[in-house]
Amino acid sequence: MTDTVKDATKQSKTENHIRAILVGGPSSLPEMHRIQSVSPQKDKIKIVHQGGYEHFERRTCGSDNGPGEIHFHWTMRTKVAE
């Protein structure tokens, strides 16, 4: 019975996520990283890539493709601190 409760909790968490498409950035960023599952309230995404971080920010003006999908546009790259 506890497994059913756990599964229901996991399901409700994923239902609250939407598809995020990452636009721009380096061409070497793999396509599999350009689609993320995020909370609808998320405004920024940071992806580890080739010794640094690629930063993407949500654009609200005309970049959403309707419910269930939002676009994040590349803004900058930062290096990993050593």
PDB file of N, CA and C in Angstrom:
ATOM      1  N   MET A   1       0.807  -1.189   0.000  1.00  0.00           N
ATOM      2  CA  MET A   1       0.000   0.000   0.000  1.00  0.00           C
ATOM      3  C   MET A   1       0.855   1.260   0.000  1.00  0.00           C
ATOM      4  N   THR A   2       1.980   1.237   0.663  1.00  0.00           N
ATOM      5  CA  THR A   2       2.846   2.412   0.659  1.00  0.00           C
ATOM      6  C   THR A   2       3.440   2.664  -0.722  1.00  0.00           C
ATOM      7  N   ASP A   3       3.663   1.596  -1.516  1.00  0.00           N
ATOM      8  CA  ASP A   3       4.176   1.781  -2.873  1.00  0.00           C
ATOM      9  C   ASP A   3       3.196   2.581  -3.722  1.00  0.00           C
ATOM     10  N   THR A   4       1.912   2.338  -3.568  1.00  0.00           N
ATOM     11  CA  THR A   4       0.901   3.068  -4.311  1.00  0.00           C
ATOM     12  C   THR A   4       0.927   4.545  -3.946  1.00  0.00           C
ATOM     13  N   VAL A   5       1.079   4.834  -2.674  1.00  0.00           N
ATOM     14  CA  VAL A   5       1.152   6.229  -2.225  1.00  0.00           C
ATOM     15  C   VAL A   5       2.389   6.902  -2.812  1.00  0.00           C
ATOM     16  N   LYS A   6       3.530   6.230  -2.795  1.00  0.00           N
ATOM     17  CA  LYS A   6       4.754   6.789  -3.356  1.00  0.00           C
ATOM     18  C   LYS A   6       4.587   7.057  -4.840  1.00  0.00           C
ATOM     19  N   ASP A   7       4.007   6.116  -5.578  1.00  0.00           N
ATOM     20  CA  ASP A   7       3.810   6.290  -7.014  1.00  0.00           C
ATOM     21  C   ASP A   7       2.895   7.475  -7.304  1.00  0.00           C
ATOM     22  N   ALA A   8       1.855   7.641  -6.512  1.00  0.00           N
ATOM     23  CA  ALA A   8       0.936   8.760  -6.711  1.00  0.00           C
ATOM     24  C   ALA A   8       1.653  10.086  -6.464  1.00  0.00           C
ATOM     25  N   THR A   9       2.537  10.117  -5.483  1.00  0.00           N
ATOM     26  CA  THR A   9       3.301  11.328  -5.198  1.00  0.00           C
ATOM     27  C   THR A   9       4.232  11.653  -6.351  1.00  0.00           C
ATOM     28  N   LYS A  10       4.931  10.659  -6.865  1.00  0.00           N
ATOM     29  CA  LYS A  10       5.830  10.875  -7.995  1.00  0.00           C
ATOM     30  C   LYS A  10       5.050  11.369  -9.210  1.00  0.00           C
ATOM     31  N   GLN A  11       3.913  10.789  -9.456  1.00  0.00           N
ATOM     32  CA  GLN A  11       3.110  11.163 -10.608  1.00  0.00           C
ATOM     33  C   GLN A  11       2.646  12.615 -10.506  1.00  0.00           C
ATOM     34  N   SER A  12       2.197  13.032  -9.324  1.00  0.00           N
ATOM     35  CA  SER A  12       1.720  14.402  -9.170  1.00  0.00           C
ATOM     36  C   SER A  12       2.861  15.400  -9.356  1.00  0.00           C
ATOM     37  N   LYS A  13       4.083  15.043  -8.974  1.00  0.00           N
ATOM     38  CA  LYS A  13       5.220  15.935  -9.168  1.00  0.00           C
ATOM     39  C   LYS A  13       5.517  16.107 -10.650  1.00  0.00           C
ATOM     40  N   THR A  14       5.498  15.039 -11.431  1.00  0.00           N
ATOM     41  CA  THR A  14       5.795  15.154 -12.850  1.00  0.00           C
ATOM     42  C   THR A  14       4.653  15.821 -13.607  1.00  0.00           C
ATOM     43  N   GLU A  15       3.435  15.697 -13.122  1.00  0.00           N
ATOM     44  CA  GLU A  15       2.318  16.354 -13.777  1.00  0.00           C
ATOM     45  C   GLU A  15       2.429  17.865 -13.662  1.00  0.00           C
ATOM     46  N   ASN A  16       3.114  18.364 -12.640  1.00  0.00           N
ATOM     47  CA  ASN A  16       3.287  19.792 -12.451  1.00  0.00           C
ATOM     48  C   ASN A  16       4.422  20.362 -13.297  1.00  0.00           C
ATOM     49  N   HIS A  17       5.115  19.526 -14.025  1.00  0.00           N
ATOM     50  CA  HIS A  17       6.209  19.981 -14.863  1.00  0.00           C
ATOM     51  C   HIS A  17       5.729  20.158 -16.302  1.00  0.00           C
ATOM     52  N   ILE A  18       6.411  21.076 -16.996  1.00  0.00           N
ATOM     53  CA  ILE A  18       6.104  21.287 -18.398  1.00  0.00           C
ATOM     54  C   ILE A  18       7.384  21.160 -19.213  1.00  0.00           C
ATOM     55  N   ARG A  19       7.220  21.065 -20.496  1.00  0.00           N
ATOM     56  CA  ARG A  19       8.340  20.889 -21.412  1.00  0.00           C
ATOM     57  C   ARG A  19       8.988  22.239 -21.691  1.00  0.00           C
ATOM     58  N   ALA A  20      10.305  22.305 -21.514  1.00  0.00           N
ATOM     59  CA  ALA A  20      11.065  23.524 -21.785  1.00  0.00           C
ATOM     60  C   ALA A  20      12.001  23.262 -22.963  1.00  0.00           C
ATOM     61  N   ILE A  21      11.951  24.137 -23.952  1.00  0.00           N
ATOM     62  CA  ILE A  21      12.820  24.047 -25.117  1.00  0.00           C
ATOM     63  C   ILE A  21      13.911  25.096 -24.968  1.00  0.00           C
ATOM     64  N   LEU A  22      15.179  24.678 -25.056  1.00  0.00           N
ATOM     65  CA  LEU A  22      16.305  25.598 -24.939  1.00  0.00           C
ATOM     66  C   LEU A  22      16.701  26.079 -26.322  1.00  0.00           C
ATOM     67  N   VAL A  23      16.702  27.389 -26.499  1.00  0.00           N
ATOM     68  CA  VAL A  23      16.946  28.004 -27.802  1.00  0.00           C
ATOM     69  C   VAL A  23      18.264  28.768 -27.761  1.00  0.00           C
ATOM     70  N   GLY A  24      19.097  28.585 -28.777  1.00  0.00           N
ATOM     71  CA  GLY A  24      20.366  29.295 -28.872  1.00  0.00           C
ATOM     72  C   GLY A  24      21.469  28.582 -28.127  1.00  0.00           C
ATOM     73  N   GLY A  25      22.545  29.308 -27.887  1.00  0.00           N
ATOM     74  CA  GLY A  25      23.691  28.714 -27.217  1.00  0.00           C
ATOM     75  C   GLY A  25      24.610  28.010 -28.194  1.00  0.00           C
ATOM     76  N   PRO A  26      25.589  27.294 -27.672  1.00  0.00           N
ATOM     77  CA  PRO A  26      26.570  26.647 -28.540  1.00  0.00           C
ATOM     78  C   PRO A  26      25.961  25.515 -29.358  1.00  0.00           C
ATOM     79  N   SER A  27      26.437  25.384 -30.582  1.00  0.00           N
ATOM     80  CA  SER A  27      25.932  24.309 -31.442  1.00  0.00           C
ATOM     81  C   SER A  27      26.368  22.939 -30.938  1.00  0.00           C
ATOM     82  N   SER A  28      27.390  22.905 -30.087  1.00  0.00           N
ATOM     83  CA  SER A  28      27.878  21.631 -29.541  1.00  0.00           C
ATOM     84  C   SER A  28      27.004  21.091 -28.408  1.00  0.00           C
ATOM     85  N   LEU A  29      26.018  21.880 -27.962  1.00  0.00           N
ATOM     86  CA  LEU A  29      25.112  21.405 -26.911  1.00  0.00           C
ATOM     87  C   LEU A  29      24.203  20.336 -27.520  1.00  0.00           C
ATOM     88  N   PRO A  30      24.246  19.106 -27.001  1.00  0.00           N
ATOM     89  CA  PRO A  30      23.468  18.009 -27.580  1.00  0.00           C
ATOM     90  C   PRO A  30      21.958  18.289 -27.587  1.00  0.00           C
ATOM     91  N   GLU A  31      21.294  17.832 -28.623  1.00  0.00           N
ATOM     92  CA  GLU A  31      19.842  18.009 -28.750  1.00  0.00           C
ATOM     93  C   GLU A  31      19.099  17.447 -27.546  1.00  0.00           C
ATOM     94  N   MET A  32      19.602  16.348 -26.967  1.00  0.00           N
ATOM     95  CA  MET A  32      18.923  15.736 -25.823  1.00  0.00           C
ATOM     96  C   MET A  32      18.893  16.668 -24.612  1.00  0.00           C
ATOM     97  N   HIS A  33      19.821  17.633 -24.537  1.00  0.00           N
ATOM     98  CA  HIS A  33      19.836  18.599 -23.432  1.00  0.00           C
ATOM     99  C   HIS A  33      18.942  19.805 -23.716  1.00  0.00           C
ATOM    100  N   ARG A  34      18.494  19.948 -24.943  1.00  0.00           N
ATOM    101  CA  ARG A  34      17.687  21.116 -25.321  1.00  0.00           C
ATOM    102  C   ARG A  34      16.213  20.966 -24.965  1.00  0.00           C
ATOM    103  N   ILE A  35      15.835  19.789 -24.480  1.00  0.00           N
ATOM    104  CA  ILE A  35      14.465  19.579 -24.016  1.00  0.00           C
ATOM    105  C   ILE A  35      14.540  19.187 -22.546  1.00  0.00           C
ATOM    106  N   GLN A  36      13.943  19.991 -21.694  1.00  0.00           N
ATOM    107  CA  GLN A  36      13.973  19.794 -20.253  1.00  0.00           C
ATOM    108  C   GLN A  36      12.547  19.714 -19.713  1.00  0.00           C
ATOM    109  N   SER A  37      12.397  19.104 -18.572  1.00  0.00           N
ATOM    110  CA  SER A  37      11.124  19.091 -17.853  1.00  0.00           C
ATOM    111  C   SER A  37      11.299  19.992 -16.637  1.00  0.00           C
ATOM    112  N   VAL A  38      10.526  21.090 -16.582  1.00  0.00           N
ATOM    113  CA  VAL A  38      10.705  22.076 -15.514  1.00  0.00           C
ATOM    114  C   VAL A  38       9.374  22.471 -14.896  1.00  0.00           C
ATOM    115  N   SER A  39       9.467  23.083 -13.747  1.00  0.00           N
ATOM    116  CA  SER A  39       8.298  23.658 -13.087  1.00  0.00           C
ATOM    117  C   SER A  39       7.819  24.854 -13.911  1.00  0.00           C
ATOM    118  N   PRO A  40       6.510  25.072 -14.018  1.00  0.00           N
ATOM    119  CA  PRO A  40       6.001  26.219 -14.774  1.00  0.00           C
ATOM    120  C   PRO A  40       6.479  27.563 -14.214  1.00  0.00           C
ATOM    121  N   GLN A  41       6.902  27.610 -12.960  1.00  0.00           N
ATOM    122  CA  GLN A  41       7.369  28.846 -12.351  1.00  0.00           C
ATOM    123  C   GLN A  41       8.854  29.129 -12.615  1.00  0.00           C
ATOM    124  N   LYS A  42       9.547  28.172 -13.199  1.00  0.00           N
ATOM    125  CA  LYS A  42      10.991  28.299 -13.430  1.00  0.00           C
ATOM    126  C   LYS A  42      11.282  29.420 -14.425  1.00  0.00           C
ATOM    127  N   ASP A  43      12.277  30.287 -14.108  1.00  0.00           N
ATOM    128  CA  ASP A  43      12.650  31.389 -14.988  1.00  0.00           C
ATOM    129  C   ASP A  43      14.033  31.220 -15.606  1.00  0.00           C
ATOM    130  N   LYS A  44      14.881  30.385 -14.980  1.00  0.00           N
ATOM    131  CA  LYS A  44      16.253  30.207 -15.457  1.00  0.00           C
ATOM    132  C   LYS A  44      16.637  28.738 -15.423  1.00  0.00           C
ATOM    133  N   ILE A  45      17.483  28.358 -16.385  1.00  0.00           N
ATOM    134  CA  ILE A  45      18.016  26.998 -16.448  1.00  0.00           C
ATOM    135  C   ILE A  45      19.521  27.119 -16.669  1.00  0.00           C
ATOM    136  N   LYS A  46      20.290  26.285 -15.955  1.00  0.00           N
ATOM    137  CA  LYS A  46      21.747  26.264 -16.092  1.00  0.00           C
ATOM    138  C   LYS A  46      22.153  24.835 -16.432  1.00  0.00           C
ATOM    139  N   ILE A  47      22.850  24.664 -17.567  1.00  0.00           N
ATOM    140  CA  ILE A  47      23.271  23.353 -18.049  1.00  0.00           C
ATOM    141  C   ILE A  47      24.790  23.258 -17.995  1.00  0.00           C
ATOM    142  N   VAL A  48      25.320  22.185 -17.408  1.00  0.00           N
ATOM    143  CA  VAL A  48      26.761  21.937 -17.412  1.00  0.00           C
ATOM    144  C   VAL A  48      27.145  21.480 -18.811  1.00  0.00           C
ATOM    145  N   HIS A  49      28.166  22.152 -19.379  1.00  0.00           N
ATOM    146  CA  HIS A  49      28.576  21.815 -20.747  1.00  0.00           C
ATOM    147  C   HIS A  49      30.028  22.224 -20.980  1.00  0.00           C
ATOM    148  N   GLN A  50      30.866  21.269 -21.335  1.00  0.00           N
ATOM    149  CA  GLN A  50      32.268  21.478 -21.703  1.00  0.00           C
ATOM    150  C   GLN A  50      33.022  22.402 -20.745  1.00  0.00           C
ATOM    151  N   GLY A  51      33.030  22.048 -19.471  1.00  0.00           N
ATOM    152  CA  GLY A  51      33.797  22.784 -18.478  1.00  0.00           C
ATOM    153  C   GLY A  51      33.189  24.113 -18.058  1.00  0.00           C
ATOM    154  N   GLY A  52      31.939  24.305 -18.341  1.00  0.00           N
ATOM    155  CA  GLY A  52      31.280  25.551 -17.952  1.00  0.00           C
ATOM    156  C   GLY A  52      29.788  25.353 -17.815  1.00  0.00           C
ATOM    157  N   TYR A  53      29.080  26.450 -17.709  1.00  0.00           N
ATOM    158  CA  TYR A  53      27.624  26.417 -17.601  1.00  0.00           C
ATOM    159  C   TYR A  53      27.022  27.270 -18.712  1.00  0.00           C
ATOM    160  N   GLU A  54      26.013  26.742 -19.354  1.00  0.00           N
ATOM    161  CA  GLU A  54      25.238  27.500 -20.332  1.00  0.00           C
ATOM    162  C   GLU A  54      23.988  27.971 -19.613  1.00  0.00           C
ATOM    163  N   HIS A  55      23.726  29.264 -19.661  1.00  0.00           N
ATOM    164  CA  HIS A  55      22.599  29.866 -18.946  1.00  0.00           C
ATOM    165  C   HIS A  55      21.480  30.212 -19.929  1.00  0.00           C
ATOM    166  N   PHE A  56      20.280  29.828 -19.573  1.00  0.00           N
ATOM    167  CA  PHE A  56      19.098  30.105 -20.384  1.00  0.00           C
ATOM    168  C   PHE A  56      18.054  30.776 -19.508  1.00  0.00           C
ATOM    169  N   GLU A  57      17.347  31.764 -20.068  1.00  0.00           N
ATOM    170  CA  GLU A  57      16.290  32.448 -19.335  1.00  0.00           C
ATOM    171  C   GLU A  57      14.987  32.383 -20.118  1.00  0.00           C
ATOM    172  N   ARG A  58      13.925  32.298 -19.370  1.00  0.00           N
ATOM    173  CA  ARG A  58      12.593  32.235 -19.961  1.00  0.00           C
ATOM    174  C   ARG A  58      12.241  33.579 -20.597  1.00  0.00           C
ATOM    175  N   ARG A  59      11.676  33.512 -21.778  1.00  0.00           N
ATOM    176  CA  ARG A  59      11.188  34.711 -22.462  1.00  0.00           C
ATOM    177  C   ARG A  59       9.675  34.632 -22.491  1.00  0.00           C
ATOM    178  N   THR A  60       9.028  35.652 -21.994  1.00  0.00           N
ATOM    179  CA  THR A  60       7.563  35.611 -21.899  1.00  0.00           C
ATOM    180  C   THR A  60       6.866  36.212 -23.106  1.00  0.00           C
ATOM    181  N   CYS A  61       7.509  37.092 -23.838  1.00  0.00           N
ATOM    182  CA  CYS A  61       6.814  37.759 -24.943  1.00  0.00           C
ATOM    183  C   CYS A  61       6.885  36.930 -26.221  1.00  0.00           C
ATOM    184  N   GLY A  62       5.834  36.202 -26.483  1.00  0.00           N
ATOM    185  CA  GLY A  62       5.713  35.459 -27.734  1.00  0.00           C
ATOM    186  C   GLY A  62       6.546  34.206 -27.852  1.00  0.00           C
ATOM    187  N   SER A  63       7.173  33.746 -26.774  1.00  0.00           N
ATOM    188  CA  SER A  63       8.030  32.564 -26.898  1.00  0.00           C
ATOM    189  C   SER A  63       7.380  31.291 -26.374  1.00  0.00           C
ATOM    190  N   ASP A  64       6.250  31.403 -25.732  1.00  0.00           N
ATOM    191  CA  ASP A  64       5.575  30.205 -25.245  1.00  0.00           C
ATOM    192  C   ASP A  64       4.728  29.607 -26.360  1.00  0.00           C
ATOM    193  N   ASN A  65       4.759  28.307 -26.472  1.00  0.00           N
ATOM    194  CA  ASN A  65       3.987  27.605 -27.497  1.00  0.00           C
ATOM    195  C   ASN A  65       2.706  27.041 -26.926  1.00  0.00           C
ATOM    196  N   GLY A  66       2.084  27.756 -26.037  1.00  0.00           N
ATOM    197  CA  GLY A  66       0.843  27.281 -25.452  1.00  0.00           C
ATOM    198  C   GLY A  66       1.100  26.520 -24.170  1.00  0.00           C
ATOM    199  N   PRO A  67       0.035  25.980 -23.594  1.00  0.00           N
ATOM    200  CA  PRO A  67       0.186  25.261 -22.326  1.00  0.00           C
ATOM    201  C   PRO A  67       1.028  24.002 -22.500  1.00  0.00           C
ATOM    202  N   GLY A  68       1.891  23.760 -21.540  1.00  0.00           N
ATOM    203  CA  GLY A  68       2.682  22.538 -21.571  1.00  0.00           C
ATOM    204  C   GLY A  68       4.035  22.684 -22.215  1.00  0.00           C
ATOM    205  N   GLU A  69       4.363  23.867 -22.789  1.00  0.00           N
ATOM    206  CA  GLU A  69       5.687  24.053 -23.391  1.00  0.00           C
ATOM    207  C   GLU A  69       6.092  25.523 -23.330  1.00  0.00           C
ATOM    208  N   ILE A  70       7.329  25.770 -22.876  1.00  0.00           N
ATOM    209  CA  ILE A  70       7.857  27.124 -22.833  1.00  0.00           C
ATOM    210  C   ILE A  70       9.261  27.145 -23.425  1.00  0.00           C
ATOM    211  N   HIS A  71       9.704  28.299 -23.866  1.00  0.00           N
ATOM    212  CA  HIS A  71      11.031  28.439 -24.455  1.00  0.00           C
ATOM    213  C   HIS A  71      11.935  29.242 -23.530  1.00  0.00           C
ATOM    214  N   PHE A  72      13.177  28.774 -23.422  1.00  0.00           N
ATOM    215  CA  PHE A  72      14.214  29.460 -22.680  1.00  0.00           C
ATOM    216  C   PHE A  72      15.309  29.807 -23.679  1.00  0.00           C
ATOM    217  N   HIS A  73      15.766  31.046 -23.675  1.00  0.00           N
ATOM    218  CA  HIS A  73      16.773  31.499 -24.624  1.00  0.00           C
ATOM    219  C   HIS A  73      18.125  31.650 -23.937  1.00  0.00           C
ATOM    220  N   TRP A  74      19.176  31.280 -24.659  1.00  0.00           N
ATOM    221  CA  TRP A  74      20.534  31.339 -24.139  1.00  0.00           C
ATOM    222  C   TRP A  74      20.903  32.783 -23.840  1.00  0.00           C
ATOM    223  N   THR A  75      21.534  33.017 -22.676  1.00  0.00           N
ATOM    224  CA  THR A  75      21.945  34.365 -22.312  1.00  0.00           C
ATOM    225  C   THR A  75      23.457  34.507 -22.139  1.00  0.00           C
ATOM    226  N   MET A  76      24.113  33.471 -21.618  1.00  0.00           N
ATOM    227  CA  MET A  76      25.567  33.575 -21.410  1.00  0.00           C
ATOM    228  C   MET A  76      26.154  32.222 -21.033  1.00  0.00           C
ATOM    229  N   ARG A  77      27.474  32.227 -21.031  1.00  0.00           N
ATOM    230  CA  ARG A  77      28.242  31.061 -20.584  1.00  0.00           C
ATOM    231  C   ARG A  77      29.144  31.502 -19.455  1.00  0.00           C
ATOM    232  N   THR A  78      29.251  30.680 -18.411  1.00  0.00           N
ATOM    233  CA  THR A  78      30.200  30.932 -17.330  1.00  0.00           C
ATOM    234  C   THR A  78      31.071  29.704 -17.149  1.00  0.00           C
ATOM    235  N   LYS A  79      32.265  29.897 -16.635  1.00  0.00           N
ATOM    236  CA  LYS A  79      33.191  28.798 -16.395  1.00  0.00           C
ATOM    237  C   LYS A  79      32.950  28.197 -15.030  1.00  0.00           C
ATOM    238  N   VAL A  80      33.273  26.909 -14.893  1.00  0.00           N
ATOM    239  CA  VAL A  80      33.190  26.228 -13.608  1.00  0.00           C
ATOM    240  C   VAL A  80      34.340  26.724 -12.734  1.00  0.00           C
ATOM    241  N   ALA A  81      34.031  27.110 -11.501  1.00  0.00           N
ATOM    242  CA  ALA A  81      35.075  27.566 -10.567  1.00  0.00           C
ATOM    243  C   ALA A  81      35.931  26.385 -10.143  1.00  0.00           C
ATOM    244  N   GLU A  82      37.204  26.614 -10.073  1.00  0.00           N
ATOM    245  CA  GLU A  82      38.120  25.530  -9.676  1.00  0.00           C
ATOM    246  C   GLU A  82      38.566  25.678  -8.258  1.00  0.00           C
TER     247      GLU A  82
END
